[in-house]
Amino acid sequence: MSDAPTDIGIVKLMEVLRERGTPEGLTLAERRARMDDIGDRFPVPSEAIVEPVEIAGCKAEWVYADGADPERVMLYVHGGGYVQGSLHSHRNMVYEIARAMNGRVLNLDYRLGPEHPFPAAVEDMVAAWQALLDSGVNPQKASFGGDSAGGGLIIAALVSARDQGMVLPGCGCCISPWTDLVGTGQTMETKASVDPMVGREALTFFADLYMDGADPAQPLASPLYADLSGLPPLLVQVGTAETLLDDSRRLVARARHAGTEATYVEWADMPHIWHIFAPLLQASRDAITELGAFVKRHG
């Protein structure tokens, strides 16, 4: 595949996604392979710098471009319903974020359910953040980032770190966050016919595996129900063609009510985590540019 980006347009992309179909009926192994296929289709360009590391017992990668500000750091956690997704599936998107913020992104391979159910993912992210602080990372030049389940995970990790008295990063960036594992948002139904990426069947499948019988409404599983006071400034980006649109709308409303600064941007007609299609879609690249600018403003 050429490193040169293109723009097939959102109409064509949505057609391609619908032709690919939803993952209903697939086993977990098949779903994991299907998500990793994204990394095969969209590899990082040849100039990307990728440095495998281990942090807090987890595999991870520093991903960045030549000339990046070494002090501007993002701790990133991928989506995939807490049971799928990997460094490989998200490596190119993470690289594009690193370029946009002119910094380094630590892509964290946190533990997944059902092998490692809740709260393993939260514990891993908080431990990784503590390790970064211990290594000398300046928290005011650091940020959290994540998409889908990862977008919810960064809120849960911020809440957990706050409650433990830890220093928090300068900001957090949520892409299409999954914040309500109970699934009470109205757009779970009203957007079901237009969202080609994720629906109630998949989200219920993911939540059941991750929670392993625990209450999905508890705050560190569904941060929509958490006390969101005292968190750093947040950016929430979501597409209007998402079943999880209400997860973002309600998260922002609750954050603002708690006194937390929240910048909220709805992208018209965009599907779930459209950023991952940056090699194909100008709107994806524009959203990543917006995210990068937010990070730079806050550190």
C-alpha atoms as a PDB file:
ATOM      1  CA  MET A   1       0.000   0.000   0.000  1.00  0.00           C
ATOM      2  CA  SER A   2       1.266   3.473  -0.833  1.00  0.00           C
ATOM      3  CA  ASP A   3       2.071   5.811   2.055  1.00  0.00           C
ATOM      4  CA  ALA A   4       0.241   8.615   0.237  1.00  0.00           C
ATOM      5  CA  PRO A   5      -3.199   9.365   1.767  1.00  0.00           C
ATOM      6  CA  THR A   6      -6.318   9.626  -0.343  1.00  0.00           C
ATOM      7  CA  ASP A   7      -9.947  10.682   0.184  1.00  0.00           C
ATOM      8  CA  ILE A   8     -12.645   8.253  -0.903  1.00  0.00           C
ATOM      9  CA  GLY A   9     -15.342  10.343   0.795  1.00  0.00           C
ATOM     10  CA  ILE A  10     -17.659   9.375   3.629  1.00  0.00           C
ATOM     11  CA  VAL A  11     -20.406   7.995   1.360  1.00  0.00           C
ATOM     12  CA  LYS A  12     -18.031   5.527  -0.262  1.00  0.00           C
ATOM     13  CA  LEU A  13     -16.450   4.601   3.085  1.00  0.00           C
ATOM     14  CA  MET A  14     -19.844   3.846   4.589  1.00  0.00           C
ATOM     15  CA  GLU A  15     -20.667   1.658   1.580  1.00  0.00           C
ATOM     16  CA  VAL A  16     -17.419  -0.263   2.074  1.00  0.00           C
ATOM     17  CA  LEU A  17     -18.105  -0.718   5.793  1.00  0.00           C
ATOM     18  CA  ARG A  18     -21.639  -1.967   5.170  1.00  0.00           C
ATOM     19  CA  GLU A  19     -20.385  -4.405   2.535  1.00  0.00           C
ATOM     20  CA  ARG A  20     -17.880  -5.741   5.056  1.00  0.00           C
ATOM     21  CA  GLY A  21     -20.739  -6.420   7.425  1.00  0.00           C
ATOM     22  CA  THR A  22     -21.061  -6.539  11.185  1.00  0.00           C
ATOM     23  CA  PRO A  23     -19.390  -9.217  13.332  1.00  0.00           C
ATOM     24  CA  GLU A  24     -22.571 -10.796  14.693  1.00  0.00           C
ATOM     25  CA  GLY A  25     -22.204 -14.533  15.096  1.00  0.00           C
ATOM     26  CA  LEU A  26     -18.400 -14.543  15.018  1.00  0.00           C
ATOM     27  CA  THR A  27     -16.368 -16.130  17.794  1.00  0.00           C
ATOM     28  CA  LEU A  28     -14.091 -13.981  19.930  1.00  0.00           C
ATOM     29  CA  ALA A  29     -11.044 -15.316  18.087  1.00  0.00           C
ATOM     30  CA  GLU A  30     -12.634 -14.396  14.757  1.00  0.00           C
ATOM     31  CA  ARG A  31     -13.533 -10.928  16.028  1.00  0.00           C
ATOM     32  CA  ARG A  32      -9.979 -10.385  17.251  1.00  0.00           C
ATOM     33  CA  ALA A  33      -8.560 -11.422  13.889  1.00  0.00           C
ATOM     34  CA  ARG A  34     -11.040  -9.162  12.104  1.00  0.00           C
ATOM     35  CA  MET A  35      -9.909  -6.171  14.155  1.00  0.00           C
ATOM     36  CA  ASP A  36      -6.212  -6.924  13.689  1.00  0.00           C
ATOM     37  CA  ASP A  37      -6.886  -6.948   9.960  1.00  0.00           C
ATOM     38  CA  ILE A  38      -7.102  -3.146  10.246  1.00  0.00           C
ATOM     39  CA  GLY A  39      -3.402  -3.093  11.057  1.00  0.00           C
ATOM     40  CA  ASP A  40      -2.681  -5.208   7.989  1.00  0.00           C
ATOM     41  CA  ARG A  41      -4.696  -2.888   5.759  1.00  0.00           C
ATOM     42  CA  PHE A  42      -3.292   0.333   7.242  1.00  0.00           C
ATOM     43  CA  PRO A  43       0.352  -0.219   8.242  1.00  0.00           C
ATOM     44  CA  VAL A  44       2.453   2.613   9.587  1.00  0.00           C
ATOM     45  CA  PRO A  45       4.459   4.475   6.946  1.00  0.00           C
ATOM     46  CA  SER A  46       8.110   3.666   6.526  1.00  0.00           C
ATOM     47  CA  GLU A  47       9.249   6.805   8.339  1.00  0.00           C
ATOM     48  CA  ALA A  48       7.364   6.021  11.552  1.00  0.00           C
ATOM     49  CA  ILE A  49       9.474   5.317  14.636  1.00  0.00           C
ATOM     50  CA  VAL A  50       8.160   2.397  16.698  1.00  0.00           C
ATOM     51  CA  GLU A  51      10.017   1.352  19.862  1.00  0.00           C
ATOM     52  CA  PRO A  52       8.713  -1.725  21.734  1.00  0.00           C
ATOM     53  CA  VAL A  53       8.951  -1.415  25.526  1.00  0.00           C
ATOM     54  CA  GLU A  54       7.506  -2.949  28.666  1.00  0.00           C
ATOM     55  CA  ILE A  55       5.785  -0.784  31.260  1.00  0.00           C
ATOM     56  CA  ALA A  56       4.048  -1.853  34.464  1.00  0.00           C
ATOM     57  CA  GLY A  57       4.156  -5.469  33.296  1.00  0.00           C
ATOM     58  CA  CYS A  58       2.470  -4.699  29.960  1.00  0.00           C
ATOM     59  CA  LYS A  59       3.857  -4.658  26.467  1.00  0.00           C
ATOM     60  CA  ALA A  60       3.734  -1.227  24.863  1.00  0.00           C
ATOM     61  CA  GLU A  61       5.218   0.822  22.031  1.00  0.00           C
ATOM     62  CA  TRP A  62       6.527   4.348  21.789  1.00  0.00           C
ATOM     63  CA  VAL A  63       5.274   5.638  18.448  1.00  0.00           C
ATOM     64  CA  TYR A  64       6.382   8.966  17.013  1.00  0.00           C
ATOM     65  CA  ALA A  65       7.846  10.855  14.082  1.00  0.00           C
ATOM     66  CA  ASP A  66      11.358  12.172  13.684  1.00  0.00           C
ATOM     67  CA  GLY A  67      11.706  15.571  15.355  1.00  0.00           C
ATOM     68  CA  ALA A  68       8.892  15.041  17.877  1.00  0.00           C
ATOM     69  CA  ASP A  69       9.005  16.962  21.153  1.00  0.00           C
ATOM     70  CA  PRO A  70      10.300  14.272  23.548  1.00  0.00           C
ATOM     71  CA  GLU A  71       8.584  15.890  26.538  1.00  0.00           C
ATOM     72  CA  ARG A  72       5.064  15.911  25.040  1.00  0.00           C
ATOM     73  CA  VAL A  73       3.727  12.438  25.843  1.00  0.00           C
ATOM     74  CA  MET A  74       0.366  10.700  25.447  1.00  0.00           C
ATOM     75  CA  LEU A  75      -0.594   7.431  27.116  1.00  0.00           C
ATOM     76  CA  TYR A  76      -2.956   5.778  24.603  1.00  0.00           C
ATOM     77  CA  VAL A  77      -5.330   2.832  25.026  1.00  0.00           C
ATOM     78  CA  HIS A  78      -7.025   1.217  22.040  1.00  0.00           C
ATOM     79  CA  GLY A  79     -10.661   0.305  21.604  1.00  0.00           C
ATOM     80  CA  GLY A  80     -12.172  -3.114  21.042  1.00  0.00           C
ATOM     81  CA  GLY A  81     -14.723  -3.570  23.786  1.00  0.00           C
ATOM     82  CA  TYR A  82     -12.029  -4.488  26.352  1.00  0.00           C
ATOM     83  CA  VAL A  83     -11.728  -7.920  24.701  1.00  0.00           C
ATOM     84  CA  GLN A  84     -10.099  -7.249  21.320  1.00  0.00           C
ATOM     85  CA  GLY A  85      -7.827  -4.718  19.641  1.00  0.00           C
ATOM     86  CA  SER A  86      -4.059  -4.565  19.865  1.00  0.00           C
ATOM     87  CA  LEU A  87      -0.957  -2.525  19.283  1.00  0.00           C
ATOM     88  CA  HIS A  88      -1.065  -3.786  15.704  1.00  0.00           C
ATOM     89  CA  SER A  89      -4.660  -2.777  14.974  1.00  0.00           C
ATOM     90  CA  HIS A  90      -4.131   0.815  16.141  1.00  0.00           C
ATOM     91  CA  ARG A  91      -0.478   1.471  15.355  1.00  0.00           C
ATOM     92  CA  ASN A  92      -1.071   3.657  12.295  1.00  0.00           C
ATOM     93  CA  MET A  93      -3.774   5.746  13.966  1.00  0.00           C
ATOM     94  CA  VAL A  94      -1.542   6.218  17.000  1.00  0.00           C
ATOM     95  CA  TYR A  95       1.263   7.350  14.711  1.00  0.00           C
ATOM     96  CA  GLU A  96      -1.025   9.890  13.055  1.00  0.00           C
ATOM     97  CA  ILE A  97      -1.976  11.219  16.499  1.00  0.00           C
ATOM     98  CA  ALA A  98       1.689  11.447  17.470  1.00  0.00           C
ATOM     99  CA  ARG A  99       2.408  13.475  14.340  1.00  0.00           C
ATOM    100  CA  ALA A 100      -0.543  15.789  14.939  1.00  0.00           C
ATOM    101  CA  MET A 101       0.462  16.531  18.536  1.00  0.00           C
ATOM    102  CA  ASN A 102       4.191  16.708  17.691  1.00  0.00           C
ATOM    103  CA  GLY A 103       5.002  14.320  20.508  1.00  0.00           C
ATOM    104  CA  ARG A 104       5.445  10.708  21.497  1.00  0.00           C
ATOM    105  CA  VAL A 105       2.564   8.303  22.099  1.00  0.00           C
ATOM    106  CA  LEU A 106       2.881   5.264  24.347  1.00  0.00           C
ATOM    107  CA  ASN A 107       0.484   2.703  22.872  1.00  0.00           C
ATOM    108  CA  LEU A 108      -0.388   0.388  25.787  1.00  0.00           C
ATOM    109  CA  ASP A 109      -1.167  -3.318  25.340  1.00  0.00           C
ATOM    110  CA  TYR A 110      -3.351  -3.566  28.447  1.00  0.00           C
ATOM    111  CA  ARG A 111      -4.824  -6.877  29.532  1.00  0.00           C
ATOM    112  CA  LEU A 112      -8.055  -7.944  27.827  1.00  0.00           C
ATOM    113  CA  GLY A 113     -11.101  -9.880  28.957  1.00  0.00           C
ATOM    114  CA  PRO A 114     -12.333 -12.492  29.308  1.00  0.00           C
ATOM    115  CA  GLU A 115      -8.877 -13.792  30.226  1.00  0.00           C
ATOM    116  CA  HIS A 116      -8.391 -10.710  32.413  1.00  0.00           C
ATOM    117  CA  PRO A 117     -11.800  -9.261  33.316  1.00  0.00           C
ATOM    118  CA  PHE A 118     -12.675  -5.926  34.928  1.00  0.00           C
ATOM    119  CA  PRO A 119     -10.909  -4.094  36.519  1.00  0.00           C
ATOM    120  CA  ALA A 120      -7.687  -5.344  34.887  1.00  0.00           C
ATOM    121  CA  ALA A 121      -7.723  -2.715  32.117  1.00  0.00           C
ATOM    122  CA  VAL A 122      -8.155   0.147  34.599  1.00  0.00           C
ATOM    123  CA  GLU A 123      -5.438  -1.228  36.847  1.00  0.00           C
ATOM    124  CA  ASP A 124      -3.025  -1.521  33.906  1.00  0.00           C
ATOM    125  CA  MET A 125      -3.577   2.016  32.710  1.00  0.00           C
ATOM    126  CA  VAL A 126      -3.206   3.536  36.169  1.00  0.00           C
ATOM    127  CA  ALA A 127      -0.064   1.476  36.782  1.00  0.00           C
ATOM    128  CA  ALA A 128       1.371   2.577  33.429  1.00  0.00           C
ATOM    129  CA  TRP A 129       0.654   6.205  34.314  1.00  0.00           C
ATOM    130  CA  GLN A 130       2.420   5.796  37.665  1.00  0.00           C
ATOM    131  CA  ALA A 131       5.398   4.261  35.866  1.00  0.00           C
ATOM    132  CA  LEU A 132       5.545   7.209  33.477  1.00  0.00           C
ATOM    133  CA  LEU A 133       5.475   9.629  36.407  1.00  0.00           C
ATOM    134  CA  ASP A 134       8.223   7.634  38.127  1.00  0.00           C
ATOM    135  CA  SER A 135      10.305   7.850  34.949  1.00  0.00           C
ATOM    136  CA  GLY A 136      10.209  11.642  35.077  1.00  0.00           C
ATOM    137  CA  VAL A 137       7.448  12.445  32.609  1.00  0.00           C
ATOM    138  CA  ASN A 138       6.116  15.968  33.177  1.00  0.00           C
ATOM    139  CA  PRO A 139       2.391  15.496  33.877  1.00  0.00           C
ATOM    140  CA  GLN A 140       1.549  18.962  32.556  1.00  0.00           C
ATOM    141  CA  LYS A 141       2.967  17.982  29.148  1.00  0.00           C
ATOM    142  CA  ALA A 142       1.296  14.573  29.244  1.00  0.00           C
ATOM    143  CA  SER A 143      -2.162  13.444  28.164  1.00  0.00           C
ATOM    144  CA  PHE A 144      -4.386  10.382  28.035  1.00  0.00           C
ATOM    145  CA  GLY A 145      -5.967   9.236  24.774  1.00  0.00           C
ATOM    146  CA  GLY A 146      -8.255   6.415  23.739  1.00  0.00           C
ATOM    147  CA  ASP A 147     -10.999   5.338  21.362  1.00  0.00           C
ATOM    148  CA  SER A 148     -14.265   3.469  21.977  1.00  0.00           C
ATOM    149  CA  ALA A 149     -13.648   1.265  25.033  1.00  0.00           C
ATOM    150  CA  GLY A 150     -10.301   3.026  25.335  1.00  0.00           C
ATOM    151  CA  GLY A 151     -12.144   6.346  25.409  1.00  0.00           C
ATOM    152  CA  GLY A 152     -14.147   5.154  28.387  1.00  0.00           C
ATOM    153  CA  LEU A 153     -11.048   3.602  29.932  1.00  0.00           C
ATOM    154  CA  ILE A 154      -9.161   6.886  30.069  1.00  0.00           C
ATOM    155  CA  ILE A 155     -12.044   8.460  32.034  1.00  0.00           C
ATOM    156  CA  ALA A 156     -12.114   5.488  34.420  1.00  0.00           C
ATOM    157  CA  ALA A 157      -8.330   5.696  34.815  1.00  0.00           C
ATOM    158  CA  LEU A 158      -8.491   9.431  35.522  1.00  0.00           C
ATOM    159  CA  VAL A 159     -11.168   8.838  38.168  1.00  0.00           C
ATOM    160  CA  SER A 160      -9.170   6.000  39.739  1.00  0.00           C
ATOM    161  CA  ALA A 161      -5.922   7.990  39.716  1.00  0.00           C
ATOM    162  CA  ARG A 162      -7.687  11.002  41.215  1.00  0.00           C
ATOM    163  CA  ASP A 163      -9.185   8.894  43.980  1.00  0.00           C
ATOM    164  CA  GLN A 164      -5.716   7.493  44.762  1.00  0.00           C
ATOM    165  CA  GLY A 165      -4.283  10.983  45.076  1.00  0.00           C
ATOM    166  CA  MET A 166      -2.085  10.711  41.997  1.00  0.00           C
ATOM    167  CA  VAL A 167      -1.026  13.664  39.873  1.00  0.00           C
ATOM    168  CA  LEU A 168      -3.162  13.781  36.727  1.00  0.00           C
ATOM    169  CA  PRO A 169      -2.100  14.527  33.146  1.00  0.00           C
ATOM    170  CA  GLY A 170      -2.715  17.895  31.517  1.00  0.00           C
ATOM    171  CA  CYS A 171      -5.671  16.693  29.450  1.00  0.00           C
ATOM    172  CA  GLY A 172      -7.579  13.702  28.106  1.00  0.00           C
ATOM    173  CA  CYS A 173      -8.823  12.933  24.570  1.00  0.00           C
ATOM    174  CA  CYS A 174     -11.778  10.607  23.980  1.00  0.00           C
ATOM    175  CA  ILE A 175     -12.591   9.329  20.502  1.00  0.00           C
ATOM    176  CA  SER A 176     -16.099   7.831  20.223  1.00  0.00           C
ATOM    177  CA  PRO A 177     -15.975   6.760  23.889  1.00  0.00           C
ATOM    178  CA  TRP A 178     -17.961   3.831  25.280  1.00  0.00           C
ATOM    179  CA  THR A 179     -18.962   5.140  28.690  1.00  0.00           C
ATOM    180  CA  ASP A 180     -22.143   3.202  29.510  1.00  0.00           C
ATOM    181  CA  LEU A 181     -21.760  -0.577  29.503  1.00  0.00           C
ATOM    182  CA  VAL A 182     -25.392  -0.865  30.593  1.00  0.00           C
ATOM    183  CA  GLY A 183     -26.407   0.446  27.173  1.00  0.00           C
ATOM    184  CA  THR A 184     -29.081   2.966  28.136  1.00  0.00           C
ATOM    185  CA  GLY A 185     -28.363   5.618  25.484  1.00  0.00           C
ATOM    186  CA  GLN A 186     -31.259   6.329  23.130  1.00  0.00           C
ATOM    187  CA  THR A 187     -28.937   6.346  20.117  1.00  0.00           C
ATOM    188  CA  MET A 188     -28.288   2.657  20.701  1.00  0.00           C
ATOM    189  CA  GLU A 189     -31.633   2.293  18.930  1.00  0.00           C
ATOM    190  CA  THR A 190     -32.056   5.471  16.878  1.00  0.00           C
ATOM    191  CA  LYS A 191     -28.654   5.124  15.161  1.00  0.00           C
ATOM    192  CA  ALA A 192     -28.687   1.341  14.800  1.00  0.00           C
ATOM    193  CA  SER A 193     -29.665   1.489  11.135  1.00  0.00           C
ATOM    194  CA  VAL A 194     -26.892   3.939  10.176  1.00  0.00           C
ATOM    195  CA  ASP A 195     -23.934   2.732  12.278  1.00  0.00           C
ATOM    196  CA  PRO A 196     -21.999   0.111  10.259  1.00  0.00           C
ATOM    197  CA  MET A 197     -19.344  -0.389  12.946  1.00  0.00           C
ATOM    198  CA  VAL A 198     -20.925  -1.413  16.254  1.00  0.00           C
ATOM    199  CA  GLY A 199     -24.386  -2.195  17.608  1.00  0.00           C
ATOM    200  CA  ARG A 200     -26.118  -3.530  20.692  1.00  0.00           C
ATOM    201  CA  GLU A 201     -25.319  -7.191  19.968  1.00  0.00           C
ATOM    202  CA  ALA A 202     -21.570  -6.569  19.843  1.00  0.00           C
ATOM    203  CA  LEU A 203     -21.565  -4.206  22.817  1.00  0.00           C
ATOM    204  CA  THR A 204     -23.518  -6.678  24.952  1.00  0.00           C
ATOM    205  CA  PHE A 205     -21.121  -9.447  23.889  1.00  0.00           C
ATOM    206  CA  PHE A 206     -18.124  -7.307  24.895  1.00  0.00           C
ATOM    207  CA  ALA A 207     -19.619  -6.135  28.191  1.00  0.00           C
ATOM    208  CA  ASP A 208     -20.558  -9.643  29.282  1.00  0.00           C
ATOM    209  CA  LEU A 209     -17.047 -10.958  28.614  1.00  0.00           C
ATOM    210  CA  TYR A 210     -15.281  -8.022  30.247  1.00  0.00           C
ATOM    211  CA  MET A 211     -17.472  -7.780  33.357  1.00  0.00           C
ATOM    212  CA  ASP A 212     -17.610 -11.549  34.018  1.00  0.00           C
ATOM    213  CA  GLY A 213     -20.776 -11.202  36.066  1.00  0.00           C
ATOM    214  CA  ALA A 214     -19.859  -7.961  37.839  1.00  0.00           C
ATOM    215  CA  ASP A 215     -22.166  -4.935  37.793  1.00  0.00           C
ATOM    216  CA  PRO A 216     -21.588  -2.997  34.543  1.00  0.00           C
ATOM    217  CA  ALA A 217     -23.008   0.175  36.104  1.00  0.00           C
ATOM    218  CA  GLN A 218     -20.152   0.616  38.586  1.00  0.00           C
ATOM    219  CA  PRO A 219     -18.216   3.833  37.910  1.00  0.00           C
ATOM    220  CA  LEU A 220     -14.874   2.346  36.845  1.00  0.00           C
ATOM    221  CA  ALA A 221     -16.652   0.114  34.317  1.00  0.00           C
ATOM    222  CA  SER A 222     -19.146   2.724  33.099  1.00  0.00           C
ATOM    223  CA  PRO A 223     -17.543   6.113  33.840  1.00  0.00           C
ATOM    224  CA  LEU A 224     -20.757   7.842  32.773  1.00  0.00           C
ATOM    225  CA  TYR A 225     -21.888   7.090  36.338  1.00  0.00           C
ATOM    226  CA  ALA A 226     -18.677   8.288  38.018  1.00  0.00           C
ATOM    227  CA  ASP A 227     -17.979  11.500  39.911  1.00  0.00           C
ATOM    228  CA  LEU A 228     -16.241  13.494  37.156  1.00  0.00           C
ATOM    229  CA  SER A 229     -15.096  16.416  39.283  1.00  0.00           C
ATOM    230  CA  GLY A 230     -11.440  17.373  39.475  1.00  0.00           C
ATOM    231  CA  LEU A 231     -10.466  15.877  36.109  1.00  0.00           C
ATOM    232  CA  PRO A 232      -8.240  17.694  33.604  1.00  0.00           C
ATOM    233  CA  PRO A 233      -9.701  19.316  30.452  1.00  0.00           C
ATOM    234  CA  LEU A 234     -11.292  16.766  28.140  1.00  0.00           C
ATOM    235  CA  LEU A 235     -11.800  16.597  24.386  1.00  0.00           C
ATOM    236  CA  VAL A 236     -14.623  14.349  23.208  1.00  0.00           C
ATOM    237  CA  GLN A 237     -15.001  13.677  19.479  1.00  0.00           C
ATOM    238  CA  VAL A 238     -17.889  11.598  18.175  1.00  0.00           C
ATOM    239  CA  GLY A 239     -19.639  10.994  14.860  1.00  0.00           C
ATOM    240  CA  THR A 240     -23.341  11.577  14.370  1.00  0.00           C
ATOM    241  CA  ALA A 241     -23.705   8.135  12.744  1.00  0.00           C
ATOM    242  CA  GLU A 242     -22.819   6.273  15.955  1.00  0.00           C
ATOM    243  CA  THR A 243     -24.920   4.106  18.225  1.00  0.00           C
ATOM    244  CA  LEU A 244     -22.652   5.407  21.014  1.00  0.00           C
ATOM    245  CA  LEU A 245     -23.428   9.067  20.281  1.00  0.00           C
ATOM    246  CA  ASP A 246     -25.408   9.399  23.524  1.00  0.00           C
ATOM    247  CA  ASP A 247     -22.479   7.976  25.505  1.00  0.00           C
ATOM    248  CA  SER A 248     -20.508  11.058  24.469  1.00  0.00           C
ATOM    249  CA  ARG A 249     -23.314  13.570  24.872  1.00  0.00           C
ATOM    250  CA  ARG A 250     -24.139  12.408  28.382  1.00  0.00           C
ATOM    251  CA  LEU A 251     -20.489  12.132  29.435  1.00  0.00           C
ATOM    252  CA  VAL A 252     -19.842  15.744  28.448  1.00  0.00           C
ATOM    253  CA  ALA A 253     -22.989  16.966  30.184  1.00  0.00           C
ATOM    254  CA  ARG A 254     -22.028  15.188  33.402  1.00  0.00           C
ATOM    255  CA  ALA A 255     -18.408  16.394  33.211  1.00  0.00           C
ATOM    256  CA  ARG A 256     -19.479  19.998  32.774  1.00  0.00           C
ATOM    257  CA  HIS A 257     -22.018  19.685  35.579  1.00  0.00           C
ATOM    258  CA  ALA A 258     -19.169  18.467  37.813  1.00  0.00           C
ATOM    259  CA  GLY A 259     -17.049  21.499  36.891  1.00  0.00           C
ATOM    260  CA  THR A 260     -14.694  19.700  34.519  1.00  0.00           C
ATOM    261  CA  GLU A 261     -13.825  21.541  31.303  1.00  0.00           C
ATOM    262  CA  ALA A 262     -15.012  19.537  28.311  1.00  0.00           C
ATOM    263  CA  THR A 263     -14.616  20.422  24.646  1.00  0.00           C
ATOM    264  CA  TYR A 264     -17.231  18.533  22.634  1.00  0.00           C
ATOM    265  CA  VAL A 265     -17.238  18.093  18.861  1.00  0.00           C
ATOM    266  CA  GLU A 266     -19.812  16.142  16.852  1.00  0.00           C
ATOM    267  CA  TRP A 267     -18.622  15.250  13.353  1.00  0.00           C
ATOM    268  CA  ALA A 268     -21.509  15.049  10.902  1.00  0.00           C
ATOM    269  CA  ASP A 269     -22.144  11.624   9.323  1.00  0.00           C
ATOM    270  CA  MET A 270     -18.959  10.063  10.740  1.00  0.00           C
ATOM    271  CA  PRO A 271     -19.012   6.432  11.945  1.00  0.00           C
ATOM    272  CA  HIS A 272     -17.471   4.967  15.078  1.00  0.00           C
ATOM    273  CA  ILE A 273     -13.732   5.772  15.477  1.00  0.00           C
ATOM    274  CA  TRP A 274     -13.508   7.147  11.941  1.00  0.00           C
ATOM    275  CA  HIS A 275     -10.000   8.347  12.792  1.00  0.00           C
ATOM    276  CA  ILE A 276      -8.717   4.840  12.099  1.00  0.00           C
ATOM    277  CA  PHE A 277      -9.467   5.345   8.391  1.00  0.00           C
ATOM    278  CA  ALA A 278      -6.966   8.212   8.083  1.00  0.00           C
ATOM    279  CA  PRO A 279      -5.270   6.699   5.011  1.00  0.00           C
ATOM    280  CA  LEU A 280      -8.620   6.818   3.182  1.00  0.00           C
ATOM    281  CA  LEU A 281     -10.573   9.795   4.488  1.00  0.00           C
ATOM    282  CA  GLN A 282      -9.766  13.492   4.782  1.00  0.00           C
ATOM    283  CA  ALA A 283     -12.285  13.896   7.613  1.00  0.00           C
ATOM    284  CA  SER A 284     -10.316  11.335   9.619  1.00  0.00           C
ATOM    285  CA  ARG A 285      -7.121  13.298   9.170  1.00  0.00           C
ATOM    286  CA  ASP A 286      -8.913  16.550  10.024  1.00  0.00           C
ATOM    287  CA  ALA A 287     -10.261  15.067  13.263  1.00  0.00           C
ATOM    288  CA  ILE A 288      -6.788  13.873  14.228  1.00  0.00           C
ATOM    289  CA  THR A 289      -5.423  17.354  13.494  1.00  0.00           C
ATOM    290  CA  GLU A 290      -8.098  18.778  15.802  1.00  0.00           C
ATOM    291  CA  LEU A 291      -7.087  16.335  18.521  1.00  0.00           C
ATOM    292  CA  GLY A 292      -3.412  17.175  18.124  1.00  0.00           C
ATOM    293  CA  ALA A 293      -4.107  20.887  18.412  1.00  0.00           C
ATOM    294  CA  PHE A 294      -6.069  20.294  21.627  1.00  0.00           C
ATOM    295  CA  VAL A 295      -3.134  18.375  23.141  1.00  0.00           C
ATOM    296  CA  LYS A 296      -0.674  21.104  22.186  1.00  0.00           C
ATOM    297  CA  ARG A 297      -2.897  23.804  23.732  1.00  0.00           C
ATOM    298  CA  HIS A 298      -2.858  21.929  27.027  1.00  0.00           C
ATOM    299  CA  GLY A 299       0.829  21.114  27.177  1.00  0.00           C
END
